[in-house]
Amino acid sequence: MNKLKLFFEDHAFGVCSRLGEKLHFPIDSIRLFFIYSSFITLGSPVIIYVSMAMMMKIRKYLRKMNNPVWFD
């Protein structure tokens, strides 16, 4: 079970951990909120989660474009 948890933590988008760091809130509570609200509202928070993940990836990509690293 621990290997499965570590696999998903390594390959997830990191939206909950980023929110936890910014809001100074426990990451587990944010993850549980997304899970419970997804069951209650039939999946609409999943759309919010995916859009936040896409924004994070786009920001990371744009930062790399603005600050290229050249290896000689």
C-alpha atoms as a PDB file:
ATOM      1  CA  MET A   1       0.000   0.000   0.000  1.00  0.00           C
ATOM      2  CA  ASN A   2       2.869   2.344   0.784  1.00  0.00           C
ATOM      3  CA  LYS A   3       4.435   1.725  -2.656  1.00  0.00           C
ATOM      4  CA  LEU A   4       1.138   2.656  -4.302  1.00  0.00           C
ATOM      5  CA  LYS A   5       0.916   5.865  -2.281  1.00  0.00           C
ATOM      6  CA  LEU A   6       4.481   6.844  -3.185  1.00  0.00           C
ATOM      7  CA  PHE A   7       3.835   6.103  -6.867  1.00  0.00           C
ATOM      8  CA  PHE A   8       0.832   8.423  -7.004  1.00  0.00           C
ATOM      9  CA  GLU A   9       2.611  11.148  -5.038  1.00  0.00           C
ATOM     10  CA  ASP A  10       5.550  11.051  -7.452  1.00  0.00           C
ATOM     11  CA  HIS A  11       3.444  11.032 -10.618  1.00  0.00           C
ATOM     12  CA  ALA A  12       0.613  13.368  -9.573  1.00  0.00           C
ATOM     13  CA  PHE A  13       0.368  16.971 -10.666  1.00  0.00           C
ATOM     14  CA  GLY A  14       1.118  18.454  -7.241  1.00  0.00           C
ATOM     15  CA  VAL A  15      -1.893  20.750  -7.124  1.00  0.00           C
ATOM     16  CA  CYS A  16      -2.846  19.859  -3.556  1.00  0.00           C
ATOM     17  CA  SER A  17       0.701  20.206  -2.270  1.00  0.00           C
ATOM     18  CA  ARG A  18       1.089  23.584  -3.985  1.00  0.00           C
ATOM     19  CA  LEU A  19      -2.187  24.810  -2.475  1.00  0.00           C
ATOM     20  CA  GLY A  20      -1.109  23.546   0.932  1.00  0.00           C
ATOM     21  CA  GLU A  21       2.176  25.413   0.736  1.00  0.00           C
ATOM     22  CA  LYS A  22       0.564  28.658  -0.416  1.00  0.00           C
ATOM     23  CA  LEU A  23      -2.319  28.583   2.081  1.00  0.00           C
ATOM     24  CA  HIS A  24      -0.307  27.065   4.976  1.00  0.00           C
ATOM     25  CA  PHE A  25      -2.912  24.320   5.254  1.00  0.00           C
ATOM     26  CA  PRO A  26      -2.383  20.547   5.694  1.00  0.00           C
ATOM     27  CA  ILE A  27      -2.067  18.794   2.341  1.00  0.00           C
ATOM     28  CA  ASP A  28      -4.045  15.761   3.491  1.00  0.00           C
ATOM     29  CA  SER A  29      -7.037  17.964   4.311  1.00  0.00           C
ATOM     30  CA  ILE A  30      -6.989  19.505   0.846  1.00  0.00           C
ATOM     31  CA  ARG A  31      -6.785  16.081  -0.793  1.00  0.00           C
ATOM     32  CA  LEU A  32      -9.697  14.818   1.291  1.00  0.00           C
ATOM     33  CA  PHE A  33     -11.702  17.908   0.360  1.00  0.00           C
ATOM     34  CA  PHE A  34     -11.185  17.205  -3.351  1.00  0.00           C
ATOM     35  CA  ILE A  35     -12.114  13.536  -2.905  1.00  0.00           C
ATOM     36  CA  TYR A  36     -15.248  14.150  -0.832  1.00  0.00           C
ATOM     37  CA  SER A  37     -16.454  17.061  -2.925  1.00  0.00           C
ATOM     38  CA  SER A  38     -15.953  14.974  -6.080  1.00  0.00           C
ATOM     39  CA  PHE A  39     -18.238  12.272  -4.705  1.00  0.00           C
ATOM     40  CA  ILE A  40     -20.857  14.752  -3.495  1.00  0.00           C
ATOM     41  CA  THR A  41     -20.986  16.892  -6.654  1.00  0.00           C
ATOM     42  CA  LEU A  42     -20.457  14.014  -9.101  1.00  0.00           C
ATOM     43  CA  GLY A  43     -16.985  15.025 -10.262  1.00  0.00           C
ATOM     44  CA  SER A  44     -17.093  18.772 -10.858  1.00  0.00           C
ATOM     45  CA  PRO A  45     -14.020  19.479  -8.632  1.00  0.00           C
ATOM     46  CA  VAL A  46     -12.062  17.197 -10.950  1.00  0.00           C
ATOM     47  CA  ILE A  47     -12.485  19.829 -13.666  1.00  0.00           C
ATOM     48  CA  ILE A  48     -11.131  22.476 -11.296  1.00  0.00           C
ATOM     49  CA  TYR A  49      -8.217  20.224 -10.308  1.00  0.00           C
ATOM     50  CA  VAL A  50      -7.256  19.481 -13.924  1.00  0.00           C
ATOM     51  CA  SER A  51      -7.490  23.150 -14.922  1.00  0.00           C
ATOM     52  CA  MET A  52      -5.252  24.123 -11.985  1.00  0.00           C
ATOM     53  CA  ALA A  53      -2.771  21.413 -12.993  1.00  0.00           C
ATOM     54  CA  MET A  54      -2.728  22.705 -16.569  1.00  0.00           C
ATOM     55  CA  MET A  55      -2.122  26.274 -15.353  1.00  0.00           C
ATOM     56  CA  MET A  56       0.799  25.062 -13.235  1.00  0.00           C
ATOM     57  CA  LYS A  57       2.343  23.224 -16.203  1.00  0.00           C
ATOM     58  CA  ILE A  58       1.897  26.229 -18.501  1.00  0.00           C
ATOM     59  CA  ARG A  59       3.496  28.559 -15.935  1.00  0.00           C
ATOM     60  CA  LYS A  60       6.436  26.176 -15.574  1.00  0.00           C
ATOM     61  CA  TYR A  61       6.828  25.980 -19.354  1.00  0.00           C
ATOM     62  CA  LEU A  62       6.705  29.773 -19.749  1.00  0.00           C
ATOM     63  CA  ARG A  63       9.302  30.234 -17.017  1.00  0.00           C
ATOM     64  CA  LYS A  64      11.637  27.849 -18.852  1.00  0.00           C
ATOM     65  CA  MET A  65      11.070  29.769 -22.097  1.00  0.00           C
ATOM     66  CA  ASN A  66      11.946  33.087 -20.441  1.00  0.00           C
ATOM     67  CA  ASN A  67      15.035  31.749 -18.672  1.00  0.00           C
ATOM     68  CA  PRO A  68      16.747  29.267 -20.999  1.00  0.00           C
ATOM     69  CA  VAL A  69      19.741  27.410 -19.707  1.00  0.00           C
ATOM     70  CA  TRP A  70      22.560  26.802 -22.133  1.00  0.00           C
ATOM     71  CA  PHE A  71      25.008  24.018 -21.540  1.00  0.00           C
ATOM     72  CA  ASP A  72      28.323  24.317 -23.348  1.00  0.00           C
END
